Amino acid sequence: MNEKDPIKKTSVRRLTVSVPPGGEGQRIDRLVTNCLPDRSRTFIKRLIEQGYLAVDNTVPRTIVEPSYRVKLGEKFILGIPEVADLQLAGENIPLNIIFEDEELIVIDKPAGLVVHPAPGNQTGTLVNALIAHCGESLKGIGGVRRPGIVHRLDKDTSGLLVGAKTSLAHQSLVTQFSERTVQRAYIALVWGIPKKTSGLIDANIGRSPQNRKKMSVRHTGGREARTRYKVERIFSTTAACMLKCHLETGRTHQIRVHLAHIGHPIIGDPVYGGGITRSRKASLGNDALTATSGLNRQSLHAYLLGFMHPVTGIKHRFESVLPPELAEICAFLDGGGNSGTP
């Protein structure tokens, strides 16, 4: 490794990755991606190909092959370049804060709020709200584009999300997500009723070959993905039911893709088949049809989040009730009005 290597630039954040016992032989891009659950494997592969990864052995050298097979005891340094031209500003966006201390903050995110800036959504995001609430010190915690962000929820998914306010908290929470010790569960309102009242959906997920903006179950390739579900409530219309889903992995759109894969897409999710078809329309009463037709989000809510506090070591567990628009859907699917509760 020489002074011209990109990893030496001062505008690069450095991350050290070690090969754990039993991890030898796997691809370096997969190892690094598992340590950065908020970044895609494609993003990691691109960094490696551009020379941002070095193996920190006796004689350091740059690795540019994403397919490089790691060896036990090897240690790698990944450079994550900061985006200098992105100026994030705080915005006065209301936040439903469930818990907050000096290290972290837990938010109950509403549907419609984008988590971090991206093409098409440079302002009005949760990141902008967090910067306004936490102050300028939040900038740089976890990267320029996603300060404080440890994990994500889709724009039209509501529910609990934890953010880091210090580098120590960020690294601890990222590690907990990577090691899959974080407890995460969702409520999903889906079309139809599964034949089994509970089960495990174990199916790899990757980019759809037909539409690169969508994810799909992949029989070859993709990344391992496992979702446990349980039928929590069957509505009187029998056109739909409520599921509780527990994530064992955290892939992009995982629950949405998995439930669509088993034939029970999430109500209101047009991307993965959750729209109102002719047969679904025929099975709904007028009120339920009106309510589901007017839904401008997918019926997915992250109701449970549990993790260990980075500093105190105390196990925290938070729960969130269904937002009003989903509670109303439940009431109508049960043949009642908007006064019902799930």
Protein backbone atom coordinates (compact mmCIF):
# COMPACT_ATOMS: atom_id res chain seq x y z
CA MET A 1 0.00 0.00 0.00
CA ASN A 2 1.51 3.36 -1.02
CA GLU A 3 0.65 7.03 -0.53
CA LYS A 4 -1.26 7.11 -3.81
CA ASP A 5 -3.79 4.55 -2.63
CA PRO A 6 -7.28 6.06 -2.28
CA ILE A 7 -7.53 4.68 1.25
CA LYS A 8 -4.85 7.16 2.35
CA LYS A 9 -6.96 10.20 1.50
CA THR A 10 -8.02 12.29 4.49
CA SER A 11 -11.61 12.46 3.11
CA VAL A 12 -11.99 8.73 3.61
CA ARG A 13 -13.53 7.09 6.68
CA ARG A 14 -11.66 3.91 7.65
CA LEU A 15 -13.31 0.70 8.80
CA THR A 16 -11.36 -2.32 10.06
CA VAL A 17 -12.77 -5.77 9.24
CA SER A 18 -11.33 -9.01 10.62
CA VAL A 19 -12.02 -12.56 9.46
CA PRO A 20 -13.91 -14.35 12.26
CA PRO A 21 -13.46 -18.06 13.08
CA GLY A 22 -15.35 -20.03 10.46
CA GLY A 23 -15.35 -17.09 8.06
CA GLU A 24 -12.34 -18.18 6.05
CA GLY A 25 -12.95 -18.98 2.39
CA GLN A 26 -15.82 -16.55 1.84
CA ARG A 27 -15.68 -13.67 -0.62
CA ILE A 28 -14.32 -10.42 0.73
CA ASP A 29 -17.26 -8.39 -0.61
CA ARG A 30 -19.69 -10.63 1.30
CA LEU A 31 -17.64 -10.38 4.53
CA VAL A 32 -17.51 -6.59 4.38
CA THR A 33 -21.21 -6.27 3.46
CA ASN A 34 -22.17 -8.32 6.52
CA CYS A 35 -20.33 -5.74 8.64
CA LEU A 36 -22.19 -2.85 7.00
CA PRO A 37 -25.89 -3.78 6.96
CA ASP A 38 -26.89 -0.29 5.82
CA ARG A 39 -24.83 -0.55 2.61
CA SER A 40 -25.54 -2.75 -0.39
CA ARG A 41 -23.17 -5.39 -1.68
CA THR A 42 -23.04 -3.53 -5.00
CA PHE A 43 -21.77 -0.42 -3.18
CA ILE A 44 -19.07 -2.47 -1.41
CA LYS A 45 -18.01 -4.19 -4.65
CA ARG A 46 -17.62 -0.82 -6.32
CA LEU A 47 -15.40 0.48 -3.51
CA ILE A 48 -13.20 -2.62 -3.71
CA GLU A 49 -12.86 -2.37 -7.49
CA GLN A 50 -11.85 1.30 -7.10
CA GLY A 51 -9.05 0.38 -4.68
CA TYR A 52 -10.54 1.37 -1.36
CA LEU A 53 -9.74 -1.95 0.36
CA ALA A 54 -6.36 -3.04 1.72
CA VAL A 55 -5.32 -6.21 3.50
CA ASP A 56 -3.43 -5.12 6.61
CA ASN A 57 -0.78 -7.85 6.72
CA THR A 58 2.97 -7.55 7.33
CA VAL A 59 3.24 -6.11 3.83
CA PRO A 60 -0.02 -4.19 3.24
CA ARG A 61 -1.48 -4.34 -0.24
CA THR A 62 -4.60 -3.17 -2.01
CA ILE A 63 -7.30 -5.71 -2.91
CA VAL A 64 -9.32 -4.91 -6.04
CA GLU A 65 -11.09 -8.23 -6.61
CA PRO A 66 -14.50 -8.50 -4.86
CA SER A 67 -14.22 -12.29 -5.27
CA TYR A 68 -11.01 -12.47 -3.19
CA ARG A 69 -11.28 -15.41 -0.75
CA VAL A 70 -10.36 -14.39 2.77
CA LYS A 71 -8.05 -16.33 5.10
CA LEU A 72 -8.33 -16.84 8.84
CA GLY A 73 -6.47 -14.14 10.76
CA GLU A 74 -6.50 -11.59 7.93
CA LYS A 75 -7.46 -8.03 8.74
CA PHE A 76 -8.73 -5.55 6.16
CA ILE A 77 -9.08 -1.78 6.09
CA LEU A 78 -11.93 -0.37 4.01
CA GLY A 79 -11.99 3.28 3.03
CA ILE A 80 -15.45 4.81 2.67
CA PRO A 81 -15.10 8.12 0.80
CA GLU A 82 -17.09 11.01 2.14
CA VAL A 83 -19.19 13.09 -0.25
CA ALA A 84 -17.80 16.56 0.24
CA ASP A 85 -20.33 18.41 -1.91
CA LEU A 86 -23.38 17.25 0.03
CA GLN A 87 -24.53 19.93 2.45
CA LEU A 88 -27.16 18.52 4.79
CA ALA A 89 -29.22 21.05 6.67
CA GLY A 90 -31.46 20.62 9.65
CA GLU A 91 -35.18 20.98 8.99
CA ASN A 92 -37.97 21.53 11.49
CA ILE A 93 -39.79 18.24 10.88
CA PRO A 94 -41.84 16.88 13.82
CA LEU A 95 -40.48 13.68 15.36
CA ASN A 96 -42.32 11.15 17.50
CA ILE A 97 -39.49 10.41 19.96
CA ILE A 98 -39.98 7.23 21.99
CA PHE A 99 -36.64 7.30 23.83
CA GLU A 100 -33.57 9.51 23.83
CA ASP A 101 -30.35 9.92 25.81
CA GLU A 102 -26.85 11.20 25.04
CA GLU A 103 -25.97 8.13 22.93
CA LEU A 104 -29.03 7.29 20.85
CA ILE A 105 -32.57 8.17 19.86
CA VAL A 106 -35.55 5.93 19.05
CA ILE A 107 -38.13 7.33 16.63
CA ASP A 108 -41.60 6.11 15.67
CA LYS A 109 -41.41 6.99 11.97
CA PRO A 110 -44.62 7.79 10.08
CA ALA A 111 -45.27 6.42 6.61
CA GLY A 112 -44.24 8.85 3.89
CA LEU A 113 -41.03 10.01 5.58
CA VAL A 114 -37.83 9.09 3.72
CA VAL A 115 -35.02 8.05 6.07
CA HIS A 116 -32.00 9.62 4.36
CA PRO A 117 -31.30 11.84 1.33
CA ALA A 118 -31.13 10.13 -2.04
CA PRO A 119 -31.70 11.15 -5.66
CA GLY A 120 -35.17 12.66 -5.76
CA ASN A 121 -35.29 13.19 -1.99
CA GLN A 122 -32.49 15.56 -1.01
CA THR A 123 -34.56 17.33 1.68
CA GLY A 124 -37.45 16.57 3.99
CA THR A 125 -35.90 13.36 5.30
CA LEU A 126 -35.50 11.86 8.76
CA VAL A 127 -31.80 12.79 8.58
CA ASN A 128 -32.71 16.45 8.11
CA ALA A 129 -35.06 16.22 11.09
CA LEU A 130 -32.40 14.54 13.25
CA ILE A 131 -29.80 17.19 12.43
CA ALA A 132 -32.25 19.90 13.50
CA HIS A 133 -33.11 18.05 16.70
CA CYS A 134 -29.65 16.79 17.71
CA GLY A 135 -27.53 19.64 16.38
CA GLU A 136 -24.48 19.83 14.12
CA SER A 137 -22.60 17.28 16.23
CA LEU A 138 -24.64 14.55 14.55
CA LYS A 139 -22.89 15.20 11.23
CA GLY A 140 -20.20 12.66 10.47
CA ILE A 141 -21.66 9.98 12.77
CA GLY A 142 -21.87 7.03 10.38
CA GLY A 143 -21.06 8.93 7.18
CA VAL A 144 -21.91 12.17 5.41
CA ARG A 145 -25.07 11.06 3.65
CA ARG A 146 -26.54 9.07 6.52
CA PRO A 147 -25.47 10.70 9.79
CA GLY A 148 -26.79 8.75 12.75
CA ILE A 149 -28.56 6.17 10.60
CA VAL A 150 -28.00 2.56 11.64
CA HIS A 151 -30.83 0.82 9.76
CA ARG A 152 -33.66 1.87 7.48
CA LEU A 153 -37.38 1.57 6.95
CA ASP A 154 -38.93 2.03 3.52
CA LYS A 155 -40.57 5.40 2.89
CA ASP A 156 -44.08 3.96 3.13
CA THR A 157 -43.38 1.68 6.10
CA SER A 158 -44.02 3.11 9.56
CA GLY A 159 -42.61 2.17 12.92
CA LEU A 160 -39.62 2.07 15.23
CA LEU A 161 -36.13 3.08 14.17
CA VAL A 162 -33.02 3.72 16.27
CA GLY A 163 -30.43 6.37 15.44
CA ALA A 164 -26.95 6.89 16.87
CA LYS A 165 -25.82 10.22 18.32
CA THR A 166 -22.18 9.23 18.93
CA SER A 167 -19.57 7.21 17.05
CA LEU A 168 -19.44 4.69 19.90
CA ALA A 169 -23.20 4.13 19.73
CA HIS A 170 -23.11 3.88 15.95
CA GLN A 171 -20.41 1.21 15.91
CA SER A 172 -22.10 -0.78 18.68
CA LEU A 173 -25.51 -0.73 17.02
CA VAL A 174 -24.07 -1.58 13.60
CA THR A 175 -22.31 -4.57 15.18
CA GLN A 176 -25.53 -5.70 16.87
CA PHE A 177 -27.40 -5.55 13.57
CA SER A 178 -24.55 -7.37 11.81
CA GLU A 179 -24.49 -10.11 14.46
CA ARG A 180 -28.31 -10.33 14.31
CA THR A 181 -28.83 -9.78 18.00
CA VAL A 182 -31.29 -6.93 17.44
CA GLN A 183 -34.94 -7.93 17.92
CA ARG A 184 -37.18 -6.66 15.12
CA ALA A 185 -40.80 -7.51 14.44
CA TYR A 186 -43.47 -6.11 12.13
CA ILE A 187 -47.23 -6.16 11.75
CA ALA A 188 -48.37 -6.78 8.19
CA LEU A 189 -51.90 -6.70 6.80
CA VAL A 190 -51.92 -9.11 3.87
CA TRP A 191 -54.32 -10.39 1.25
CA GLY A 192 -55.63 -13.91 1.87
CA ILE A 193 -54.91 -16.31 4.71
CA PRO A 194 -51.83 -18.56 4.74
CA LYS A 195 -52.54 -22.31 4.90
CA LYS A 196 -50.12 -22.60 7.81
CA THR A 197 -50.80 -20.36 10.79
CA SER A 198 -47.06 -19.90 11.31
CA GLY A 199 -43.89 -20.67 9.43
CA LEU A 200 -40.43 -19.71 8.26
CA ILE A 201 -39.87 -18.21 4.83
CA ASP A 202 -36.29 -19.12 3.92
CA ALA A 203 -35.57 -17.78 0.44
CA ASN A 204 -32.63 -15.79 -0.93
CA ILE A 205 -33.32 -12.27 -2.13
CA GLY A 206 -31.57 -10.33 -4.87
CA ARG A 207 -32.22 -7.73 -7.55
CA SER A 208 -34.97 -8.71 -9.96
CA PRO A 209 -33.47 -9.54 -13.37
CA GLN A 210 -36.58 -8.04 -15.00
CA ASN A 211 -36.62 -4.80 -13.01
CA ARG A 212 -33.44 -3.65 -11.24
CA LYS A 213 -35.47 -1.31 -9.01
CA LYS A 214 -37.24 -4.29 -7.46
CA MET A 215 -36.07 -7.17 -5.33
CA SER A 216 -37.11 -10.78 -5.89
CA VAL A 217 -36.66 -14.28 -4.51
CA ARG A 218 -33.67 -15.85 -6.24
CA HIS A 219 -33.27 -19.60 -6.58
CA THR A 220 -29.59 -19.11 -7.45
CA GLY A 221 -27.49 -16.27 -6.10
CA GLY A 222 -28.94 -13.48 -4.02
CA ARG A 223 -28.40 -13.13 -0.28
CA GLU A 224 -29.79 -15.38 2.41
CA ALA A 225 -33.05 -14.08 3.86
CA ARG A 226 -35.30 -15.55 6.54
CA THR A 227 -38.62 -14.25 7.83
CA ARG A 228 -40.76 -15.92 10.50
CA TYR A 229 -44.48 -15.19 10.42
CA LYS A 230 -47.51 -15.97 12.54
CA VAL A 231 -51.18 -15.35 11.80
CA GLU A 232 -52.27 -12.93 14.51
CA ARG A 233 -55.82 -12.16 13.38
CA ILE A 234 -58.20 -13.28 10.62
CA PHE A 235 -60.65 -10.57 9.60
CA SER A 236 -64.35 -11.34 9.26
CA THR A 237 -64.30 -10.59 5.54
CA THR A 238 -61.79 -13.51 5.19
CA ALA A 239 -60.21 -11.51 2.37
CA ALA A 240 -57.23 -10.60 4.50
CA CYS A 241 -55.45 -11.23 7.78
CA MET A 242 -52.91 -9.71 10.13
CA LEU A 243 -49.46 -11.29 10.42
CA LYS A 244 -46.65 -10.72 12.87
CA CYS A 245 -43.29 -11.09 11.15
CA HIS A 246 -39.90 -11.45 12.84
CA LEU A 247 -36.76 -10.73 10.85
CA GLU A 248 -33.87 -13.16 11.15
CA THR A 249 -32.00 -11.25 8.43
CA GLY A 250 -32.38 -7.72 7.13
CA ARG A 251 -32.53 -7.50 3.36
CA THR A 252 -33.97 -4.72 1.23
CA HIS A 253 -37.78 -5.09 1.04
CA GLN A 254 -37.44 -8.50 2.73
CA ILE A 255 -40.90 -8.86 4.29
CA ARG A 256 -42.64 -7.39 1.24
CA VAL A 257 -40.83 -9.77 -1.12
CA HIS A 258 -41.22 -12.85 1.08
CA LEU A 259 -44.94 -12.40 1.71
CA ALA A 260 -45.58 -11.80 -1.99
CA HIS A 261 -43.54 -14.93 -2.72
CA ILE A 262 -45.88 -17.12 -0.65
CA GLY A 263 -48.94 -15.59 -2.29
CA HIS A 264 -49.95 -13.10 0.42
CA PRO A 265 -48.74 -9.63 -0.61
CA ILE A 266 -49.07 -6.70 1.76
CA ILE A 267 -52.21 -4.61 1.30
CA GLY A 268 -51.40 -1.32 -0.41
CA ASP A 269 -48.04 -2.43 -1.80
CA PRO A 270 -48.35 -1.91 -5.58
CA VAL A 271 -44.70 -2.83 -6.21
CA TYR A 272 -45.12 -6.41 -4.98
CA GLY A 273 -48.69 -7.20 -5.93
CA GLY A 274 -50.63 -5.67 -3.06
CA GLY A 275 -53.08 -3.68 -5.18
CA ILE A 276 -56.80 -4.37 -5.41
CA THR A 277 -57.47 -7.02 -8.05
CA ARG A 278 -60.89 -7.96 -9.38
CA SER A 279 -61.14 -10.98 -7.09
CA ARG A 280 -60.08 -8.97 -4.03
CA LYS A 281 -62.58 -6.27 -4.90
CA ALA A 282 -65.36 -8.85 -5.05
CA SER A 283 -64.49 -10.18 -1.58
CA LEU A 284 -64.68 -6.79 0.14
CA GLY A 285 -67.65 -4.85 1.40
CA ASN A 286 -68.16 -1.30 0.18
CA ASP A 287 -66.61 0.32 3.25
CA ALA A 288 -63.58 -1.98 3.24
CA LEU A 289 -63.13 -1.44 -0.48
CA THR A 290 -63.23 2.33 -0.05
CA ALA A 291 -60.75 2.22 2.84
CA THR A 292 -58.22 -0.05 1.11
CA SER A 293 -58.54 1.81 -2.21
CA GLY A 294 -57.68 5.08 -0.50
CA LEU A 295 -54.60 3.73 1.26
CA ASN A 296 -51.46 5.53 0.04
CA ARG A 297 -48.95 3.27 1.79
CA GLN A 298 -48.18 -0.41 2.31
CA SER A 299 -49.75 -1.94 5.42
CA LEU A 300 -46.45 -2.71 7.13
CA HIS A 301 -45.53 -1.40 10.58
CA ALA A 302 -42.33 -2.01 12.56
CA TYR A 303 -43.95 -2.44 15.96
CA LEU A 304 -41.11 -4.03 17.97
CA LEU A 305 -37.45 -3.07 18.37
CA GLY A 306 -35.05 -4.46 20.95
CA PHE A 307 -31.30 -3.98 21.41
CA MET A 308 -28.57 -3.60 24.04
CA HIS A 309 -27.63 -0.06 25.01
CA PRO A 310 -24.10 0.69 23.72
CA VAL A 311 -22.92 2.21 27.00
CA THR A 312 -25.05 0.89 29.87
CA GLY A 313 -25.44 -2.64 28.52
CA ILE A 314 -29.13 -2.53 29.48
CA LYS A 315 -31.47 -4.40 27.15
CA HIS A 316 -34.10 -2.06 25.74
CA ARG A 317 -37.37 -3.21 24.17
CA PHE A 318 -39.81 -0.80 22.56
CA GLU A 319 -43.27 -1.37 21.08
CA SER A 320 -45.43 0.83 18.88
CA VAL A 321 -49.18 0.65 18.26
CA LEU A 322 -50.61 0.60 14.76
CA PRO A 323 -50.95 4.07 13.26
CA PRO A 324 -54.56 5.30 12.84
CA GLU A 325 -54.78 4.64 9.10
CA LEU A 326 -53.89 0.95 9.56
CA ALA A 327 -56.12 0.56 12.61
CA GLU A 328 -58.95 1.91 10.49
CA ILE A 329 -58.26 -0.63 7.75
CA CYS A 330 -58.43 -3.40 10.35
CA ALA A 331 -61.81 -2.15 11.55
CA PHE A 332 -63.27 -2.03 8.05
CA LEU A 333 -61.90 -5.48 7.16
CA ASP A 334 -63.74 -6.75 10.22
CA GLY A 335 -66.96 -5.25 8.92
CA GLY A 336 -66.98 -2.33 11.32
CA GLY A 337 -66.29 1.38 11.12
CA ASN A 338 -63.35 3.60 11.87
CA SER A 339 -63.87 3.31 15.61
CA GLY A 340 -62.44 -0.19 15.71
CA THR A 341 -59.00 -1.12 17.00
CA PRO A 342 -56.72 -3.99 15.99
